[in-house]
Amino acid sequence: MITAIILTENQETLIESCLSNLFNISHIILYDNCSKDKTVDLSRKALSKASHEIVEGKMPLGLATIQNMLVAKVQTPYLVWHYGNSVMYPNKIAESLRLFETYPQVGVVYSDLDYFSTESKQMKRVFASPFDKNLLMQRNIVTPNYMAKTEVYRTAGLYDTKENFDFEHDWIYRVAEKHLVLHYAESAFCLRGK
């Protein structure tokens, strides 16, 4: 029912905790963008199920190109994007799925993002904002850890691969022309989990 796509690059110290909350997902695709550490070896050990797949990049590619390539592999109705340096709360996927089922017009559910900053060596939070397609791109804080109905890639298209282009926001605006884009505060996930 759900495919989790995880993007990593040199995250051996974080990858096991990143994967720990995704073991109930039946299909995981992990893409490693040319790590020079043990990220891939640790991922193989953690993702030993046959239904999981590890794709090793042979040369660095742009993020939009990678994401388009991975979307083409998804055969489930939903996909969730996750990054090797971020935290996924245990009930986030279940809550997102509940929102899709409750509101069929929703195409994307996104939330705040906790990630490990390599500069400060600490966890940081990016607070997302409710999406409004009438606002300028810079006013909509949409984090890249979202869950999407796979069908939105047919209705809105794939990510634009132009260089120096905010492909993620562009894609979200295209989705918003045909579906609702829903912000769900991470704090709500935390409170419901207790």
Protein backbone atom coordinates (compact mmCIF):
# COMPACT_ATOMS: atom_id res chain seq x y z
CA MET A 1 0.00 0.00 0.00
CA ILE A 2 2.87 2.42 0.81
CA THR A 3 6.37 2.75 -0.59
CA ALA A 4 8.94 4.68 1.45
CA ILE A 5 11.71 6.30 -0.56
CA ILE A 6 14.81 7.21 1.43
CA LEU A 7 17.56 9.42 0.06
CA THR A 8 21.01 9.14 1.63
CA GLU A 9 24.55 10.37 1.16
CA ASN A 10 27.32 9.75 3.72
CA GLN A 11 24.96 9.22 6.65
CA GLU A 12 26.37 6.12 8.33
CA THR A 13 25.93 7.59 11.82
CA LEU A 14 22.24 8.33 11.22
CA ILE A 15 20.95 5.65 8.84
CA GLU A 16 19.97 3.01 11.43
CA SER A 17 17.87 5.46 13.45
CA CYS A 18 16.41 6.80 10.19
CA LEU A 19 15.26 3.31 9.18
CA SER A 20 14.06 2.23 12.63
CA ASN A 21 10.57 3.74 12.26
CA LEU A 22 10.00 2.36 8.76
CA PHE A 23 10.08 -1.38 9.40
CA ASN A 24 6.30 -1.68 9.14
CA ILE A 25 6.46 -0.40 5.55
CA SER A 26 6.17 -3.29 3.09
CA HIS A 27 8.32 -1.70 0.37
CA ILE A 28 11.31 0.58 0.89
CA ILE A 29 13.52 1.99 -1.85
CA LEU A 30 16.75 3.48 -0.54
CA TYR A 31 18.77 5.58 -2.96
CA ASP A 32 22.35 6.30 -1.98
CA ASN A 33 23.96 9.19 -3.86
CA CYS A 34 27.57 7.96 -3.98
CA SER A 35 28.36 7.69 -0.26
CA LYS A 36 31.99 7.23 0.63
CA ASP A 37 31.25 5.82 4.09
CA LYS A 38 29.39 2.70 5.30
CA THR A 39 25.86 3.99 4.66
CA VAL A 40 25.12 1.35 2.01
CA ASP A 41 26.53 -1.57 4.06
CA LEU A 42 24.51 -0.56 7.13
CA SER A 43 21.41 -0.09 4.99
CA ARG A 44 21.77 -3.55 3.44
CA LYS A 45 22.00 -5.08 6.90
CA ALA A 46 18.91 -3.20 8.12
CA LEU A 47 16.86 -3.73 4.95
CA SER A 48 17.33 -7.43 4.42
CA LYS A 49 13.71 -8.11 3.35
CA ALA A 50 13.31 -9.13 -0.27
CA SER A 51 10.69 -6.42 -0.81
CA HIS A 52 13.22 -3.69 -0.05
CA GLU A 53 15.55 -2.29 -2.67
CA ILE A 54 18.82 -0.38 -2.44
CA VAL A 55 19.87 1.66 -5.47
CA GLU A 56 23.48 2.83 -5.45
CA GLY A 57 24.19 5.91 -7.51
CA LYS A 58 27.27 5.47 -9.71
CA MET A 59 27.73 9.21 -10.21
CA PRO A 60 26.22 12.18 -8.39
CA LEU A 61 22.89 13.19 -9.94
CA GLY A 62 20.64 16.13 -9.31
CA LEU A 63 17.93 15.58 -6.72
CA ALA A 64 15.04 16.12 -9.15
CA THR A 65 16.50 13.55 -11.56
CA ILE A 66 16.92 11.03 -8.73
CA GLN A 67 13.40 11.58 -7.45
CA ASN A 68 11.88 11.18 -10.94
CA MET A 69 13.80 7.92 -11.40
CA LEU A 70 12.54 6.59 -8.07
CA VAL A 71 8.90 7.63 -8.61
CA ALA A 72 8.95 5.46 -11.76
CA LYS A 73 9.66 2.41 -9.54
CA VAL A 74 6.66 2.93 -7.23
CA GLN A 75 3.77 0.47 -7.67
CA THR A 76 1.79 1.36 -4.55
CA PRO A 77 -1.03 3.95 -4.15
CA TYR A 78 1.04 6.07 -1.71
CA LEU A 79 4.65 7.06 -1.34
CA VAL A 80 6.47 8.78 1.49
CA TRP A 81 9.74 10.67 1.04
CA HIS A 82 12.30 10.42 3.81
CA TYR A 83 15.88 11.65 4.10
CA GLY A 84 18.72 9.81 5.79
CA ASN A 85 19.42 12.71 8.15
CA SER A 86 15.85 13.24 9.37
CA VAL A 87 13.52 11.78 11.97
CA MET A 88 10.22 10.08 11.15
CA TYR A 89 7.82 9.97 14.09
CA PRO A 90 6.29 6.50 14.54
CA ASN A 91 2.69 7.50 13.85
CA LYS A 92 3.37 10.01 11.06
CA ILE A 93 2.64 7.62 8.20
CA ALA A 94 -0.53 6.27 9.84
CA GLU A 95 -1.81 9.81 10.51
CA SER A 96 -1.02 10.91 6.93
CA LEU A 97 -2.82 7.86 5.57
CA ARG A 98 -5.83 8.62 7.78
CA LEU A 99 -5.95 12.15 6.31
CA PHE A 100 -5.88 10.79 2.73
CA GLU A 101 -8.73 8.41 3.53
CA THR A 102 -10.77 11.08 5.34
CA TYR A 103 -10.24 13.74 2.65
CA PRO A 104 -9.99 12.05 -0.78
CA GLN A 105 -9.27 15.38 -2.51
CA VAL A 106 -5.90 15.64 -0.69
CA GLY A 107 -2.90 14.81 -2.89
CA VAL A 108 0.02 15.63 -0.56
CA VAL A 109 0.37 15.72 3.24
CA TYR A 110 3.49 17.38 4.64
CA SER A 111 4.60 18.38 8.11
CA ASP A 112 7.42 19.94 10.10
CA LEU A 113 10.84 18.37 9.72
CA ASP A 114 13.39 17.32 12.33
CA TYR A 115 16.81 16.80 10.79
CA PHE A 116 20.43 16.45 11.87
CA SER A 117 22.44 19.54 10.97
CA THR A 118 26.00 18.70 9.94
CA GLU A 119 27.04 22.28 10.72
CA SER A 120 25.79 22.45 14.32
CA LYS A 121 25.93 18.65 14.95
CA GLN A 122 22.46 18.89 16.50
CA MET A 123 18.89 18.05 15.62
CA LYS A 124 16.99 21.04 14.22
CA ARG A 125 13.36 21.60 13.34
CA VAL A 126 12.00 23.29 10.25
CA PHE A 127 8.49 24.55 10.93
CA ALA A 128 6.35 24.23 7.84
CA SER A 129 3.40 26.50 7.18
CA PRO A 130 -0.10 25.85 5.86
CA PHE A 131 0.01 25.82 2.06
CA ASP A 132 -1.72 28.61 0.13
CA LYS A 133 -1.38 28.48 -3.66
CA ASN A 134 -2.12 32.23 -3.80
CA LEU A 135 1.07 33.06 -1.88
CA LEU A 136 4.52 33.50 -3.39
CA MET A 137 6.77 30.45 -3.22
CA GLN A 138 8.96 31.97 -0.49
CA ARG A 139 5.91 32.41 1.79
CA ASN A 140 4.95 28.73 1.67
CA ILE A 141 7.31 26.71 3.84
CA VAL A 142 6.81 23.18 2.52
CA THR A 143 9.23 20.59 3.86
CA PRO A 144 10.51 17.75 1.65
CA ASN A 145 9.31 15.00 4.01
CA TYR A 146 5.85 14.50 2.61
CA MET A 147 3.54 11.67 1.73
CA ALA A 148 1.84 11.75 -1.66
CA LYS A 149 -0.76 9.78 -3.54
CA THR A 150 1.10 8.17 -6.41
CA GLU A 151 -1.62 9.35 -8.81
CA VAL A 152 -0.54 12.99 -8.32
CA TYR A 153 2.57 12.25 -10.38
CA ARG A 154 0.25 11.45 -13.30
CA THR A 155 -1.97 14.51 -12.83
CA ALA A 156 0.74 17.06 -11.91
CA GLY A 157 3.71 15.50 -13.69
CA LEU A 158 7.21 14.75 -12.44
CA TYR A 159 9.76 17.14 -10.95
CA ASP A 160 11.33 19.73 -13.25
CA THR A 161 15.05 19.01 -13.68
CA LYS A 162 16.24 22.50 -14.68
CA GLU A 163 19.36 23.61 -12.81
CA ASN A 164 19.11 26.26 -10.10
CA PHE A 165 15.38 25.74 -9.87
CA ASP A 166 13.23 25.10 -6.82
CA PHE A 167 11.73 21.92 -8.29
CA GLU A 168 10.03 20.83 -5.06
CA HIS A 169 7.98 24.02 -4.67
CA ASP A 170 7.19 24.07 -8.39
CA TRP A 171 5.86 20.51 -8.15
CA ILE A 172 3.79 21.30 -5.04
CA TYR A 173 2.17 24.26 -6.86
CA ARG A 174 1.33 22.01 -9.82
CA VAL A 175 -0.20 19.46 -7.45
CA ALA A 176 -2.23 22.24 -5.79
CA GLU A 177 -3.88 23.06 -9.11
CA LYS A 178 -5.63 19.66 -9.05
CA HIS A 179 -5.51 18.40 -5.44
CA LEU A 180 -5.44 19.78 -1.92
CA VAL A 181 -2.02 20.12 -0.29
CA LEU A 182 -2.40 19.66 3.44
CA HIS A 183 -0.02 20.78 6.19
CA TYR A 184 -0.26 18.75 9.36
CA ALA A 185 1.84 20.08 12.24
CA GLU A 186 4.42 17.63 13.56
CA SER A 187 3.42 18.60 17.08
CA ALA A 188 0.01 17.09 16.41
CA PHE A 189 1.66 13.78 15.50
CA CYS A 190 3.61 13.89 18.76
CA LEU A 191 0.54 14.66 20.88
CA ARG A 192 -1.59 11.96 19.26
CA GLY A 193 1.20 9.44 19.77
CA LYS A 194 0.97 9.73 23.57
